[in-house]
Amino acid sequence: MKSGKNMFLKKWVRGNMTIYPGALGFLHPLIAHGLTGDHDQRLSPPQFIMHTLSLFAFVLVLVNVQNSIFRVADNRRRLAGIWPFLFFSPWVFWLGYYTLYVPFDILFLFLSIGIINALQLKPLVRSPRKWVVQCILVYVMAAAAGIVTGLGAYLRYYKHWQGITRDMATWLSISIPAGLVVAYGLQYILKAQVLLPEDPLQKPS
């Protein structure tokens, strides 16, 4: 593997292992629950606002880090392509929460990220049609890993904990395995798919 691609793939892993545990596992519960406290299924207006702001913060970190990683491929700006994430990801999270409840909020959030990344990164891969399927599948697998691990740990260990400690432990248990799947699952795919300036041009399929 060429050194440029090797560095790109390492940055992809490091970046995603920062995004998910850091922004989703730590920052999200800190913003969402740190000021407004615990809630049941029905959130108060301040709780809804703080949860939404925390999702916006997560999306900002996500897009910024992803773009810094892919800058080597197309010299993109820090917040390029952020609008679909802002318009869809927080709101499909709430769609899942208020229609099917937990864990469909998590599933819908990851599915939205997978779909947006699948479409936005198509120009940067060798086989765009295959990439769309691969990318979405990895994010669905990431959501499943996070849901099984995080909610399992919640029911087994955290359920009777109090306050933000419980929320942070739960979200870290969701975000770490999910981040591992995104980081290493897409690293494997991007190793073959991503087009960098050093690569010979190949016709997309």
C-alpha atoms as a PDB file:
ATOM      1  CA  MET A   1       0.000   0.000   0.000  1.00  0.00           C
ATOM      2  CA  LYS A   2       1.294   3.433  -0.831  1.00  0.00           C
ATOM      3  CA  SER A   3       2.306   5.665   2.036  1.00  0.00           C
ATOM      4  CA  GLY A   4      -0.311   8.329   1.254  1.00  0.00           C
ATOM      5  CA  LYS A   5      -3.166   5.858   1.386  1.00  0.00           C
ATOM      6  CA  ASN A   6      -1.721   4.251   4.493  1.00  0.00           C
ATOM      7  CA  MET A   7      -1.710   7.626   6.251  1.00  0.00           C
ATOM      8  CA  PHE A   8      -5.242   8.341   5.034  1.00  0.00           C
ATOM      9  CA  LEU A   9      -6.553   5.051   6.429  1.00  0.00           C
ATOM     10  CA  LYS A  10      -4.837   5.611   9.772  1.00  0.00           C
ATOM     11  CA  LYS A  11      -6.375   9.087   9.972  1.00  0.00           C
ATOM     12  CA  TRP A  12      -9.768   7.576   9.194  1.00  0.00           C
ATOM     13  CA  VAL A  13      -9.491   5.176  12.136  1.00  0.00           C
ATOM     14  CA  ARG A  14      -8.154   7.812  14.542  1.00  0.00           C
ATOM     15  CA  GLY A  15     -10.757  10.329  13.450  1.00  0.00           C
ATOM     16  CA  ASN A  16     -13.714   8.029  13.911  1.00  0.00           C
ATOM     17  CA  MET A  17     -12.446   6.800  17.253  1.00  0.00           C
ATOM     18  CA  THR A  18     -12.444  10.469  18.261  1.00  0.00           C
ATOM     19  CA  ILE A  19     -15.826  11.371  16.768  1.00  0.00           C
ATOM     20  CA  TYR A  20     -17.977   8.645  18.230  1.00  0.00           C
ATOM     21  CA  PRO A  21     -16.694   8.153  21.793  1.00  0.00           C
ATOM     22  CA  GLY A  22     -15.801  11.838  22.120  1.00  0.00           C
ATOM     23  CA  ALA A  23     -18.677  13.689  20.484  1.00  0.00           C
ATOM     24  CA  LEU A  24     -21.468  11.115  20.792  1.00  0.00           C
ATOM     25  CA  GLY A  25     -20.396   9.181  23.875  1.00  0.00           C
ATOM     26  CA  PHE A  26     -19.148  12.073  26.009  1.00  0.00           C
ATOM     27  CA  LEU A  27     -20.285  15.423  24.581  1.00  0.00           C
ATOM     28  CA  HIS A  28     -23.852  14.391  23.734  1.00  0.00           C
ATOM     29  CA  PRO A  29     -24.888  13.279  27.252  1.00  0.00           C
ATOM     30  CA  LEU A  30     -22.951  16.165  28.776  1.00  0.00           C
ATOM     31  CA  ILE A  31     -24.955  18.727  26.787  1.00  0.00           C
ATOM     32  CA  ALA A  32     -28.236  16.813  26.660  1.00  0.00           C
ATOM     33  CA  HIS A  33     -28.390  15.781  30.321  1.00  0.00           C
ATOM     34  CA  GLY A  34     -25.863  17.950  32.101  1.00  0.00           C
ATOM     35  CA  LEU A  35     -28.167  20.949  32.516  1.00  0.00           C
ATOM     36  CA  THR A  36     -31.665  19.501  32.207  1.00  0.00           C
ATOM     37  CA  GLY A  37     -31.275  16.218  34.081  1.00  0.00           C
ATOM     38  CA  ASP A  38     -32.971  12.859  33.666  1.00  0.00           C
ATOM     39  CA  HIS A  39     -36.108  12.314  31.620  1.00  0.00           C
ATOM     40  CA  ASP A  40     -38.583   9.597  30.832  1.00  0.00           C
ATOM     41  CA  GLN A  41     -39.971   8.990  27.331  1.00  0.00           C
ATOM     42  CA  ARG A  42     -41.605  12.415  27.240  1.00  0.00           C
ATOM     43  CA  LEU A  43     -39.044  15.232  27.208  1.00  0.00           C
ATOM     44  CA  SER A  44     -39.697  18.732  28.489  1.00  0.00           C
ATOM     45  CA  PRO A  45     -39.085  21.611  26.036  1.00  0.00           C
ATOM     46  CA  PRO A  46     -35.682  22.474  27.611  1.00  0.00           C
ATOM     47  CA  GLN A  47     -34.660  18.810  27.447  1.00  0.00           C
ATOM     48  CA  PHE A  48     -35.706  18.567  23.799  1.00  0.00           C
ATOM     49  CA  ILE A  49     -33.759  21.734  22.964  1.00  0.00           C
ATOM     50  CA  MET A  50     -30.596  20.574  24.729  1.00  0.00           C
ATOM     51  CA  HIS A  51     -30.765  17.136  23.126  1.00  0.00           C
ATOM     52  CA  THR A  52     -31.153  18.744  19.714  1.00  0.00           C
ATOM     53  CA  LEU A  53     -28.246  21.116  20.347  1.00  0.00           C
ATOM     54  CA  SER A  54     -26.101  18.165  21.388  1.00  0.00           C
ATOM     55  CA  LEU A  55     -26.932  16.406  18.117  1.00  0.00           C
ATOM     56  CA  PHE A  56     -26.007  19.539  16.176  1.00  0.00           C
ATOM     57  CA  ALA A  57     -22.693  19.627  18.061  1.00  0.00           C
ATOM     58  CA  PHE A  58     -22.070  15.980  17.206  1.00  0.00           C
ATOM     59  CA  VAL A  59     -22.804  16.635  13.527  1.00  0.00           C
ATOM     60  CA  LEU A  60     -20.440  19.628  13.471  1.00  0.00           C
ATOM     61  CA  VAL A  61     -17.621  17.527  14.904  1.00  0.00           C
ATOM     62  CA  LEU A  62     -18.430  14.647  12.561  1.00  0.00           C
ATOM     63  CA  VAL A  63     -18.348  16.739   9.390  1.00  0.00           C
ATOM     64  CA  ASN A  64     -15.283  18.714  10.439  1.00  0.00           C
ATOM     65  CA  VAL A  65     -13.242  15.601  11.211  1.00  0.00           C
ATOM     66  CA  GLN A  66     -14.414  13.697   8.136  1.00  0.00           C
ATOM     67  CA  ASN A  67     -13.572  16.606   5.857  1.00  0.00           C
ATOM     68  CA  SER A  68     -10.131  16.977   7.411  1.00  0.00           C
ATOM     69  CA  ILE A  69      -9.523  13.298   6.623  1.00  0.00           C
ATOM     70  CA  PHE A  70     -10.789  13.504   3.039  1.00  0.00           C
ATOM     71  CA  ARG A  71      -8.991  16.767   2.298  1.00  0.00           C
ATOM     72  CA  VAL A  72      -6.134  14.718   0.872  1.00  0.00           C
ATOM     73  CA  ALA A  73      -8.532  13.345  -1.748  1.00  0.00           C
ATOM     74  CA  ASP A  74     -10.324  16.489  -2.920  1.00  0.00           C
ATOM     75  CA  ASN A  75      -9.119  19.474  -0.863  1.00  0.00           C
ATOM     76  CA  ARG A  76     -12.560  20.019   0.648  1.00  0.00           C
ATOM     77  CA  ARG A  77     -13.450  22.788   3.078  1.00  0.00           C
ATOM     78  CA  ARG A  78     -13.904  22.056   6.770  1.00  0.00           C
ATOM     79  CA  LEU A  79     -17.707  22.180   6.786  1.00  0.00           C
ATOM     80  CA  ALA A  80     -18.382  21.230   3.169  1.00  0.00           C
ATOM     81  CA  GLY A  81     -21.537  19.172   2.840  1.00  0.00           C
ATOM     82  CA  ILE A  82     -22.768  19.883   6.353  1.00  0.00           C
ATOM     83  CA  TRP A  83     -26.301  20.938   5.435  1.00  0.00           C
ATOM     84  CA  PRO A  84     -27.735  17.455   4.775  1.00  0.00           C
ATOM     85  CA  PHE A  85     -26.393  16.344   8.154  1.00  0.00           C
ATOM     86  CA  LEU A  86     -27.941  19.338   9.914  1.00  0.00           C
ATOM     87  CA  PHE A  87     -31.254  18.995   8.106  1.00  0.00           C
ATOM     88  CA  PHE A  88     -31.695  15.233   8.398  1.00  0.00           C
ATOM     89  CA  SER A  89     -29.615  13.539  11.098  1.00  0.00           C
ATOM     90  CA  PRO A  90     -31.052  15.201  14.240  1.00  0.00           C
ATOM     91  CA  TRP A  91     -34.590  15.031  12.911  1.00  0.00           C
ATOM     92  CA  VAL A  92     -34.526  11.375  11.893  1.00  0.00           C
ATOM     93  CA  PHE A  93     -33.162  10.695  15.387  1.00  0.00           C
ATOM     94  CA  TRP A  94     -36.308  12.290  16.781  1.00  0.00           C
ATOM     95  CA  LEU A  95     -38.460  10.499  14.226  1.00  0.00           C
ATOM     96  CA  GLY A  96     -37.141   7.189  15.511  1.00  0.00           C
ATOM     97  CA  TYR A  97     -37.520   8.267  19.123  1.00  0.00           C
ATOM     98  CA  TYR A  98     -41.081   9.548  18.917  1.00  0.00           C
ATOM     99  CA  THR A  99     -42.455   6.840  16.618  1.00  0.00           C
ATOM    100  CA  LEU A 100     -40.714   3.586  17.554  1.00  0.00           C
ATOM    101  CA  TYR A 101     -38.751   4.774  20.633  1.00  0.00           C
ATOM    102  CA  VAL A 102     -35.352   3.466  21.735  1.00  0.00           C
ATOM    103  CA  PRO A 103     -33.303   1.999  20.046  1.00  0.00           C
ATOM    104  CA  PHE A 104     -34.704   3.204  16.722  1.00  0.00           C
ATOM    105  CA  ASP A 105     -33.473   6.737  17.399  1.00  0.00           C
ATOM    106  CA  ILE A 106     -29.914   5.371  17.335  1.00  0.00           C
ATOM    107  CA  LEU A 107     -30.573   3.224  14.272  1.00  0.00           C
ATOM    108  CA  PHE A 108     -32.124   6.117  12.335  1.00  0.00           C
ATOM    109  CA  LEU A 109     -29.263   8.458  13.299  1.00  0.00           C
ATOM    110  CA  PHE A 110     -26.601   6.073  12.015  1.00  0.00           C
ATOM    111  CA  LEU A 111     -28.637   5.213   8.939  1.00  0.00           C
ATOM    112  CA  SER A 112     -28.887   8.901   8.030  1.00  0.00           C
ATOM    113  CA  ILE A 113     -25.119   9.341   8.424  1.00  0.00           C
ATOM    114  CA  GLY A 114     -24.503   6.278   6.288  1.00  0.00           C
ATOM    115  CA  ILE A 115     -26.818   7.444   3.506  1.00  0.00           C
ATOM    116  CA  ILE A 116     -25.392  10.973   3.431  1.00  0.00           C
ATOM    117  CA  ASN A 117     -21.793   9.736   3.426  1.00  0.00           C
ATOM    118  CA  ALA A 118     -22.631   7.153   0.786  1.00  0.00           C
ATOM    119  CA  LEU A 119     -23.945   9.863  -1.534  1.00  0.00           C
ATOM    120  CA  GLN A 120     -21.493  12.657  -0.751  1.00  0.00           C
ATOM    121  CA  LEU A 121     -18.377  10.506  -1.061  1.00  0.00           C
ATOM    122  CA  LYS A 122     -19.378   8.805  -4.325  1.00  0.00           C
ATOM    123  CA  PRO A 123     -17.070  11.019  -6.440  1.00  0.00           C
ATOM    124  CA  LEU A 124     -14.084   9.903  -4.354  1.00  0.00           C
ATOM    125  CA  VAL A 125     -14.366   6.137  -4.842  1.00  0.00           C
ATOM    126  CA  ARG A 126     -13.641   3.672  -7.631  1.00  0.00           C
ATOM    127  CA  SER A 127     -17.005   1.927  -7.708  1.00  0.00           C
ATOM    128  CA  PRO A 128     -19.742   4.365  -6.634  1.00  0.00           C
ATOM    129  CA  ARG A 129     -22.676   1.965  -6.868  1.00  0.00           C
ATOM    130  CA  LYS A 130     -20.927  -0.659  -4.780  1.00  0.00           C
ATOM    131  CA  TRP A 131     -19.767   2.029  -2.354  1.00  0.00           C
ATOM    132  CA  VAL A 132     -23.326   3.191  -1.631  1.00  0.00           C
ATOM    133  CA  VAL A 133     -24.375  -0.294  -0.536  1.00  0.00           C
ATOM    134  CA  GLN A 134     -21.164  -0.930   1.403  1.00  0.00           C
ATOM    135  CA  CYS A 135     -21.261   2.385   3.234  1.00  0.00           C
ATOM    136  CA  ILE A 136     -24.890   2.141   4.318  1.00  0.00           C
ATOM    137  CA  LEU A 137     -24.398  -1.456   5.429  1.00  0.00           C
ATOM    138  CA  VAL A 138     -21.426  -0.541   7.626  1.00  0.00           C
ATOM    139  CA  TYR A 139     -23.386   2.196   9.389  1.00  0.00           C
ATOM    140  CA  VAL A 140     -26.324  -0.145   9.982  1.00  0.00           C
ATOM    141  CA  MET A 141     -23.886  -2.682  11.446  1.00  0.00           C
ATOM    142  CA  ALA A 142     -22.366   0.065  13.591  1.00  0.00           C
ATOM    143  CA  ALA A 143     -25.791   1.000  14.925  1.00  0.00           C
ATOM    144  CA  ALA A 144     -26.550  -2.647  15.676  1.00  0.00           C
ATOM    145  CA  ALA A 145     -23.241  -3.083  17.509  1.00  0.00           C
ATOM    146  CA  GLY A 146     -23.849   0.039  19.567  1.00  0.00           C
ATOM    147  CA  ILE A 147     -27.438  -0.870  20.373  1.00  0.00           C
ATOM    148  CA  VAL A 148     -26.673  -4.434  21.446  1.00  0.00           C
ATOM    149  CA  THR A 149     -23.640  -3.475  23.519  1.00  0.00           C
ATOM    150  CA  GLY A 150     -24.913  -0.202  24.942  1.00  0.00           C
ATOM    151  CA  LEU A 151     -28.438  -1.211  25.823  1.00  0.00           C
ATOM    152  CA  GLY A 152     -27.236  -4.583  27.053  1.00  0.00           C
ATOM    153  CA  ALA A 153     -24.776  -2.863  29.371  1.00  0.00           C
ATOM    154  CA  TYR A 154     -27.482  -0.432  30.474  1.00  0.00           C
ATOM    155  CA  LEU A 155     -29.868  -3.211  31.437  1.00  0.00           C
ATOM    156  CA  ARG A 156     -27.138  -5.291  33.066  1.00  0.00           C
ATOM    157  CA  TYR A 157     -25.083  -2.634  34.851  1.00  0.00           C
ATOM    158  CA  TYR A 158     -26.235   0.983  34.544  1.00  0.00           C
ATOM    159  CA  LYS A 159     -30.002   0.898  34.962  1.00  0.00           C
ATOM    160  CA  HIS A 160     -29.975   1.813  38.630  1.00  0.00           C
ATOM    161  CA  TRP A 161     -27.181   4.360  38.438  1.00  0.00           C
ATOM    162  CA  GLN A 162     -28.099   7.981  38.975  1.00  0.00           C
ATOM    163  CA  GLY A 163     -27.857  11.111  36.855  1.00  0.00           C
ATOM    164  CA  ILE A 164     -25.377  11.893  34.142  1.00  0.00           C
ATOM    165  CA  THR A 165     -23.072   9.026  35.156  1.00  0.00           C
ATOM    166  CA  ARG A 166     -25.644   6.537  33.895  1.00  0.00           C
ATOM    167  CA  ASP A 167     -26.263   8.474  30.681  1.00  0.00           C
ATOM    168  CA  MET A 168     -22.583   8.892  29.901  1.00  0.00           C
ATOM    169  CA  ALA A 169     -21.798   5.244  30.632  1.00  0.00           C
ATOM    170  CA  THR A 170     -24.666   4.177  28.378  1.00  0.00           C
ATOM    171  CA  TRP A 171     -23.696   6.451  25.486  1.00  0.00           C
ATOM    172  CA  LEU A 172     -20.037   5.485  25.745  1.00  0.00           C
ATOM    173  CA  SER A 173     -21.096   1.838  25.628  1.00  0.00           C
ATOM    174  CA  ILE A 174     -23.085   2.627  22.482  1.00  0.00           C
ATOM    175  CA  SER A 175     -20.572   4.877  20.754  1.00  0.00           C
ATOM    176  CA  ILE A 176     -17.343   2.927  21.291  1.00  0.00           C
ATOM    177  CA  PRO A 177     -18.428  -0.295  19.543  1.00  0.00           C
ATOM    178  CA  ALA A 178     -20.273   1.722  16.897  1.00  0.00           C
ATOM    179  CA  GLY A 179     -17.150   3.801  16.304  1.00  0.00           C
ATOM    180  CA  LEU A 180     -15.020   0.676  16.010  1.00  0.00           C
ATOM    181  CA  VAL A 181     -17.316  -0.721  13.321  1.00  0.00           C
ATOM    182  CA  VAL A 182     -17.325   2.550  11.364  1.00  0.00           C
ATOM    183  CA  ALA A 183     -13.573   3.005  11.735  1.00  0.00           C
ATOM    184  CA  TYR A 184     -12.414  -0.482  10.818  1.00  0.00           C
ATOM    185  CA  GLY A 185     -15.317  -1.553   8.617  1.00  0.00           C
ATOM    186  CA  LEU A 186     -14.950   1.434   6.331  1.00  0.00           C
ATOM    187  CA  GLN A 187     -11.166   1.343   6.572  1.00  0.00           C
ATOM    188  CA  TYR A 188     -11.315  -2.086   4.959  1.00  0.00           C
ATOM    189  CA  ILE A 189     -13.648  -0.807   2.229  1.00  0.00           C
ATOM    190  CA  LEU A 190     -11.822   2.478   1.648  1.00  0.00           C
ATOM    191  CA  LYS A 191      -8.536   0.626   1.259  1.00  0.00           C
ATOM    192  CA  ALA A 192      -9.872  -0.676  -2.045  1.00  0.00           C
ATOM    193  CA  GLN A 193     -12.334   2.081  -2.906  1.00  0.00           C
ATOM    194  CA  VAL A 194     -10.932   5.529  -2.158  1.00  0.00           C
ATOM    195  CA  LEU A 195      -9.291   7.459  -4.996  1.00  0.00           C
ATOM    196  CA  LEU A 196      -6.326   9.560  -3.926  1.00  0.00           C
ATOM    197  CA  PRO A 197      -4.224  11.814  -6.191  1.00  0.00           C
ATOM    198  CA  GLU A 198      -1.413   9.250  -6.158  1.00  0.00           C
ATOM    199  CA  ASP A 199      -3.673   6.471  -7.482  1.00  0.00           C
ATOM    200  CA  PRO A 200      -3.934   5.604 -11.176  1.00  0.00           C
ATOM    201  CA  LEU A 201      -7.254   6.816 -12.552  1.00  0.00           C
ATOM    202  CA  GLN A 202      -9.748   4.023 -12.950  1.00  0.00           C
ATOM    203  CA  LYS A 203     -13.148   4.219 -14.526  1.00  0.00           C
ATOM    204  CA  PRO A 204     -15.890   4.103 -11.864  1.00  0.00           C
ATOM    205  CA  SER A 205     -18.392   1.275 -12.108  1.00  0.00           C
END
